[in-house]
Structures are given as structure tokens and as C-alpha cells.
Amino acid sequence: MATEFSLNLAGHPVEVIAEADDHLALYVDGCLRKRRQGTPSYLWTNVELPFEDHYLVEVRRRADAPLAVTVNGVPLATGTQINPQREGLADASTEAR
């Protein structure tokens, strides 16, 4: 198993793991949210933060493109840290560039 992508969403670790059996798995706070086999793969989960903030994390894996991860439609780079209560997702999009 190899970590393909990781980010910190307001203190909640989000990880995308490529498993040895060609499954792609999405974890939030160490808990499995979605798992799919093969390419292409599409994973998604909702993350609810305090004050009723809701975030949609989406992962897309295609054979002809690198792994793509978005939060509420904003593309992210691996290792991104997002604290929506302090900086908002608009700032996260500039971090990813």
C-alpha cells in the first residue's frame, strides 16, 4: 500500500491509498470512506466540520492523467492544509498552484 495523496482538512487527515490489489481507497480520520478497484476510479465523501461547514472531497484516477483531488471543486496539491474557518477554500486554490 502506498499513500497517493494526503491533505489536512481543518485537523482531519484525508488520505488516498493505492492498495496492492489495484483498489484505490479514501480515508478520513483513519476511517475508510470509499474503496474502488481499477482505472478509471472515482471516489467521493462529504466531510462535515463544526458550524455546519460541509466539504465534498473528490478523487479521480484515470489511466492517461495524474490523480486529481478536489475539495468543493477546488483542485489541490498533495500535502495541502486547509483550515476553512480561518482561510477558506479560495486560499487553498492558490496554495495548490
N, C-alpha and C. Protein backbone atom coordinates (compact mmCIF):
# COMPACT_ATOMS: atom_id res chain seq x y z
N MET A 1 0.84 -1.19 0.00
CA MET A 1 0.00 0.00 0.00
C MET A 1 0.88 1.24 0.00
N ALA A 2 0.47 2.21 -0.78
CA ALA A 2 1.22 3.46 -0.87
C ALA A 2 0.24 4.63 -0.77
N THR A 3 0.63 5.64 -0.01
CA THR A 3 -0.19 6.84 0.07
C THR A 3 0.00 7.63 -1.22
N GLU A 4 -1.07 7.80 -1.97
CA GLU A 4 -1.02 8.53 -3.23
C GLU A 4 -1.21 10.02 -3.01
N PHE A 5 -1.98 10.37 -1.97
CA PHE A 5 -2.32 11.76 -1.75
C PHE A 5 -2.71 11.92 -0.30
N SER A 6 -2.33 13.06 0.30
CA SER A 6 -2.76 13.35 1.67
C SER A 6 -2.99 14.84 1.81
N LEU A 7 -3.94 15.19 2.65
CA LEU A 7 -4.20 16.59 2.98
C LEU A 7 -4.76 16.65 4.38
N ASN A 8 -4.73 17.85 4.94
CA ASN A 8 -5.29 18.08 6.26
C ASN A 8 -6.44 19.05 6.10
N LEU A 9 -7.65 18.59 6.39
CA LEU A 9 -8.84 19.41 6.26
C LEU A 9 -9.29 19.82 7.66
N ALA A 10 -8.81 20.99 8.10
CA ALA A 10 -9.14 21.55 9.42
C ALA A 10 -8.92 20.54 10.54
N GLY A 11 -7.75 19.90 10.51
CA GLY A 11 -7.40 18.96 11.57
C GLY A 11 -7.85 17.53 11.31
N HIS A 12 -8.50 17.28 10.19
CA HIS A 12 -8.94 15.94 9.83
C HIS A 12 -8.05 15.42 8.70
N PRO A 13 -7.20 14.42 8.97
CA PRO A 13 -6.35 13.89 7.91
C PRO A 13 -7.18 13.15 6.87
N VAL A 14 -6.92 13.46 5.60
CA VAL A 14 -7.57 12.80 4.46
C VAL A 14 -6.45 12.14 3.66
N GLU A 15 -6.61 10.84 3.39
CA GLU A 15 -5.59 10.10 2.66
C GLU A 15 -6.22 9.28 1.54
N VAL A 16 -5.53 9.24 0.41
CA VAL A 16 -5.90 8.38 -0.70
C VAL A 16 -4.81 7.32 -0.78
N ILE A 17 -5.19 6.06 -0.66
CA ILE A 17 -4.24 4.95 -0.61
C ILE A 17 -4.42 4.06 -1.83
N ALA A 18 -3.31 3.77 -2.52
CA ALA A 18 -3.32 2.78 -3.61
C ALA A 18 -2.94 1.44 -2.99
N GLU A 19 -3.87 0.51 -3.02
CA GLU A 19 -3.65 -0.79 -2.41
C GLU A 19 -3.06 -1.77 -3.42
N ALA A 20 -2.42 -2.82 -2.92
CA ALA A 20 -1.71 -3.77 -3.77
C ALA A 20 -2.64 -4.49 -4.76
N ASP A 21 -3.91 -4.62 -4.45
CA ASP A 21 -4.85 -5.33 -5.33
C ASP A 21 -5.55 -4.39 -6.31
N ASP A 22 -4.93 -3.24 -6.63
CA ASP A 22 -5.43 -2.25 -7.58
C ASP A 22 -6.67 -1.51 -7.09
N HIS A 23 -6.93 -1.54 -5.80
CA HIS A 23 -8.02 -0.74 -5.25
C HIS A 23 -7.47 0.63 -4.86
N LEU A 24 -8.30 1.63 -4.99
CA LEU A 24 -8.00 2.98 -4.52
C LEU A 24 -8.94 3.23 -3.35
N ALA A 25 -8.42 3.68 -2.21
CA ALA A 25 -9.22 3.85 -1.01
C ALA A 25 -9.09 5.28 -0.49
N LEU A 26 -10.19 5.82 0.01
CA LEU A 26 -10.24 7.17 0.56
C LEU A 26 -10.55 7.08 2.05
N TYR A 27 -9.64 7.62 2.86
CA TYR A 27 -9.77 7.60 4.32
C TYR A 27 -9.89 9.02 4.86
N VAL A 28 -10.74 9.22 5.87
CA VAL A 28 -10.83 10.47 6.61
C VAL A 28 -10.74 10.11 8.09
N ASP A 29 -9.83 10.74 8.80
CA ASP A 29 -9.59 10.44 10.22
C ASP A 29 -9.29 8.96 10.45
N GLY A 30 -8.62 8.33 9.50
CA GLY A 30 -8.25 6.93 9.63
C GLY A 30 -9.37 5.95 9.35
N CYS A 31 -10.55 6.44 8.97
CA CYS A 31 -11.70 5.58 8.68
C CYS A 31 -11.92 5.49 7.16
N LEU A 32 -12.11 4.28 6.67
CA LEU A 32 -12.36 4.07 5.25
C LEU A 32 -13.72 4.66 4.88
N ARG A 33 -13.73 5.54 3.87
CA ARG A 33 -14.98 6.14 3.39
C ARG A 33 -15.43 5.51 2.08
N LYS A 34 -14.49 5.31 1.14
CA LYS A 34 -14.83 4.71 -0.16
C LYS A 34 -13.64 3.89 -0.65
N ARG A 35 -13.95 2.85 -1.43
CA ARG A 35 -12.90 1.98 -1.98
C ARG A 35 -13.40 1.45 -3.33
N ARG A 36 -12.59 1.63 -4.37
CA ARG A 36 -12.97 1.18 -5.71
C ARG A 36 -11.76 0.53 -6.38
N GLN A 37 -12.04 -0.43 -7.26
CA GLN A 37 -10.99 -1.13 -7.97
C GLN A 37 -10.89 -0.64 -9.41
N GLY A 38 -9.66 -0.67 -9.94
CA GLY A 38 -9.43 -0.41 -11.35
C GLY A 38 -9.22 1.04 -11.70
N THR A 39 -9.06 1.22 -13.00
CA THR A 39 -8.88 2.55 -13.57
C THR A 39 -9.81 2.64 -14.76
N PRO A 40 -10.64 3.61 -14.88
CA PRO A 40 -10.73 4.79 -14.03
C PRO A 40 -11.44 4.50 -12.71
N SER A 41 -11.17 5.33 -11.72
CA SER A 41 -11.84 5.25 -10.42
C SER A 41 -12.31 6.63 -10.01
N TYR A 42 -13.43 6.65 -9.33
CA TYR A 42 -13.97 7.91 -8.79
C TYR A 42 -14.40 7.64 -7.36
N LEU A 43 -13.83 8.39 -6.43
CA LEU A 43 -14.17 8.29 -5.01
C LEU A 43 -14.64 9.65 -4.53
N TRP A 44 -15.54 9.66 -3.57
CA TRP A 44 -16.00 10.93 -3.02
C TRP A 44 -16.48 10.69 -1.59
N THR A 45 -16.45 11.73 -0.80
CA THR A 45 -17.02 11.69 0.54
C THR A 45 -17.32 13.10 0.99
N ASN A 46 -18.29 13.23 1.86
CA ASN A 46 -18.60 14.51 2.49
C ASN A 46 -17.90 14.56 3.83
N VAL A 47 -17.35 15.71 4.17
CA VAL A 47 -16.73 15.92 5.47
C VAL A 47 -17.47 17.09 6.11
N GLU A 48 -18.07 16.84 7.27
CA GLU A 48 -18.80 17.90 7.97
C GLU A 48 -17.93 18.40 9.12
N LEU A 49 -17.70 19.70 9.12
CA LEU A 49 -16.90 20.34 10.15
C LEU A 49 -17.80 21.13 11.08
N PRO A 50 -17.27 21.65 12.19
CA PRO A 50 -18.10 22.45 13.10
C PRO A 50 -18.76 23.63 12.36
N PHE A 51 -19.82 24.11 12.93
CA PHE A 51 -20.58 25.24 12.39
C PHE A 51 -21.23 24.90 11.06
N GLU A 52 -21.56 23.61 10.88
CA GLU A 52 -22.28 23.13 9.69
C GLU A 52 -21.56 23.42 8.38
N ASP A 53 -20.22 23.45 8.42
CA ASP A 53 -19.44 23.56 7.18
C ASP A 53 -19.38 22.17 6.56
N HIS A 54 -19.75 22.07 5.29
CA HIS A 54 -19.74 20.80 4.58
C HIS A 54 -18.77 20.89 3.41
N TYR A 55 -17.95 19.85 3.25
CA TYR A 55 -16.96 19.82 2.19
C TYR A 55 -17.04 18.50 1.44
N LEU A 56 -17.03 18.58 0.13
CA LEU A 56 -17.06 17.40 -0.73
C LEU A 56 -15.65 17.14 -1.24
N VAL A 57 -15.08 16.01 -0.84
CA VAL A 57 -13.76 15.60 -1.29
C VAL A 57 -13.97 14.59 -2.42
N GLU A 58 -13.37 14.88 -3.59
CA GLU A 58 -13.50 14.00 -4.75
C GLU A 58 -12.11 13.59 -5.24
N VAL A 59 -12.00 12.32 -5.64
CA VAL A 59 -10.74 11.77 -6.15
C VAL A 59 -11.04 11.10 -7.49
N ARG A 60 -10.24 11.44 -8.50
CA ARG A 60 -10.39 10.83 -9.82
C ARG A 60 -9.06 10.24 -10.26
N ARG A 61 -9.11 8.98 -10.68
CA ARG A 61 -7.91 8.32 -11.21
C ARG A 61 -8.24 7.83 -12.62
N ARG A 62 -7.45 8.31 -13.58
CA ARG A 62 -7.60 7.89 -14.98
C ARG A 62 -6.26 7.35 -15.46
N ALA A 63 -6.31 6.49 -16.45
CA ALA A 63 -5.08 5.88 -16.97
C ALA A 63 -4.17 6.90 -17.63
N ASP A 64 -4.75 7.92 -18.25
CA ASP A 64 -3.96 8.86 -19.04
C ASP A 64 -3.70 10.19 -18.33
N ALA A 65 -3.99 10.27 -17.02
CA ALA A 65 -3.82 11.53 -16.30
C ALA A 65 -3.39 11.25 -14.86
N PRO A 66 -2.72 12.22 -14.23
CA PRO A 66 -2.35 12.03 -12.83
C PRO A 66 -3.59 12.05 -11.93
N LEU A 67 -3.44 11.53 -10.74
CA LEU A 67 -4.51 11.53 -9.75
C LEU A 67 -4.98 12.96 -9.50
N ALA A 68 -6.28 13.18 -9.50
CA ALA A 68 -6.84 14.52 -9.28
C ALA A 68 -7.70 14.50 -8.02
N VAL A 69 -7.43 15.44 -7.10
CA VAL A 69 -8.20 15.56 -5.87
C VAL A 69 -8.73 16.98 -5.79
N THR A 70 -10.03 17.09 -5.49
CA THR A 70 -10.65 18.40 -5.32
C THR A 70 -11.43 18.44 -4.02
N VAL A 71 -11.55 19.63 -3.45
CA VAL A 71 -12.43 19.87 -2.31
C VAL A 71 -13.38 20.98 -2.74
N ASN A 72 -14.66 20.67 -2.78
CA ASN A 72 -15.68 21.60 -3.28
C ASN A 72 -15.31 22.15 -4.65
N GLY A 73 -14.73 21.29 -5.48
CA GLY A 73 -14.38 21.68 -6.84
C GLY A 73 -13.05 22.37 -7.00
N VAL A 74 -12.35 22.66 -5.90
CA VAL A 74 -11.04 23.33 -5.96
C VAL A 74 -9.94 22.27 -6.03
N PRO A 75 -9.14 22.26 -7.11
CA PRO A 75 -8.05 21.26 -7.21
C PRO A 75 -6.98 21.51 -6.16
N LEU A 76 -6.47 20.43 -5.58
CA LEU A 76 -5.48 20.53 -4.52
C LEU A 76 -4.20 19.79 -4.88
N ALA A 77 -3.11 20.23 -4.29
CA ALA A 77 -1.82 19.55 -4.39
C ALA A 77 -1.64 18.69 -3.15
N THR A 78 -0.86 17.61 -3.26
CA THR A 78 -0.65 16.73 -2.12
C THR A 78 -0.01 17.51 -0.97
N GLY A 79 -0.37 17.15 0.25
CA GLY A 79 0.16 17.81 1.43
C GLY A 79 -0.52 19.11 1.77
N THR A 80 -1.56 19.49 1.04
CA THR A 80 -2.27 20.74 1.30
C THR A 80 -2.88 20.72 2.69
N GLN A 81 -2.84 21.87 3.35
CA GLN A 81 -3.51 22.03 4.63
C GLN A 81 -4.59 23.08 4.46
N ILE A 82 -5.81 22.71 4.82
CA ILE A 82 -6.94 23.62 4.68
C ILE A 82 -7.56 23.83 6.05
N ASN A 83 -7.71 25.06 6.44
CA ASN A 83 -8.45 25.40 7.64
C ASN A 83 -9.57 26.35 7.21
N PRO A 84 -10.71 25.81 6.80
CA PRO A 84 -11.77 26.64 6.23
C PRO A 84 -12.26 27.75 7.16
N GLN A 85 -12.22 27.51 8.48
CA GLN A 85 -12.68 28.53 9.41
C GLN A 85 -11.77 29.75 9.41
N ARG A 86 -10.51 29.58 9.05
CA ARG A 86 -9.56 30.69 9.09
C ARG A 86 -9.26 31.27 7.72
N GLU A 87 -9.17 30.42 6.70
CA GLU A 87 -8.68 30.93 5.43
C GLU A 87 -9.61 30.69 4.25
N GLY A 88 -10.51 29.75 4.36
CA GLY A 88 -11.44 29.49 3.27
C GLY A 88 -10.82 28.71 2.14
N LEU A 89 -11.66 28.12 1.32
CA LEU A 89 -11.16 27.31 0.21
C LEU A 89 -10.58 28.15 -0.90
N ALA A 90 -10.94 29.40 -1.00
CA ALA A 90 -10.37 30.26 -2.05
C ALA A 90 -8.85 30.33 -1.89
N ASP A 91 -8.37 30.39 -0.64
CA ASP A 91 -6.94 30.43 -0.40
C ASP A 91 -6.28 29.10 -0.74
N ALA A 92 -7.01 27.99 -0.57
CA ALA A 92 -6.45 26.68 -0.86
C ALA A 92 -6.17 26.52 -2.33
N SER A 93 -6.97 27.14 -3.18
CA SER A 93 -6.74 27.01 -4.61
C SER A 93 -5.45 27.68 -5.03
N THR A 94 -5.05 28.74 -4.35
CA THR A 94 -3.79 29.39 -4.68
C THR A 94 -2.61 28.60 -4.13
N GLU A 95 -2.80 27.88 -3.01
CA GLU A 95 -1.74 27.03 -2.47
C GLU A 95 -1.41 25.91 -3.45
N ALA A 96 -2.43 25.39 -4.13
CA ALA A 96 -2.25 24.22 -5.00
C ALA A 96 -1.46 24.60 -6.26
N ARG A 97 -1.37 25.85 -6.60
CA ARG A 97 -0.69 26.25 -7.83
C ARG A 97 0.76 26.42 -7.64
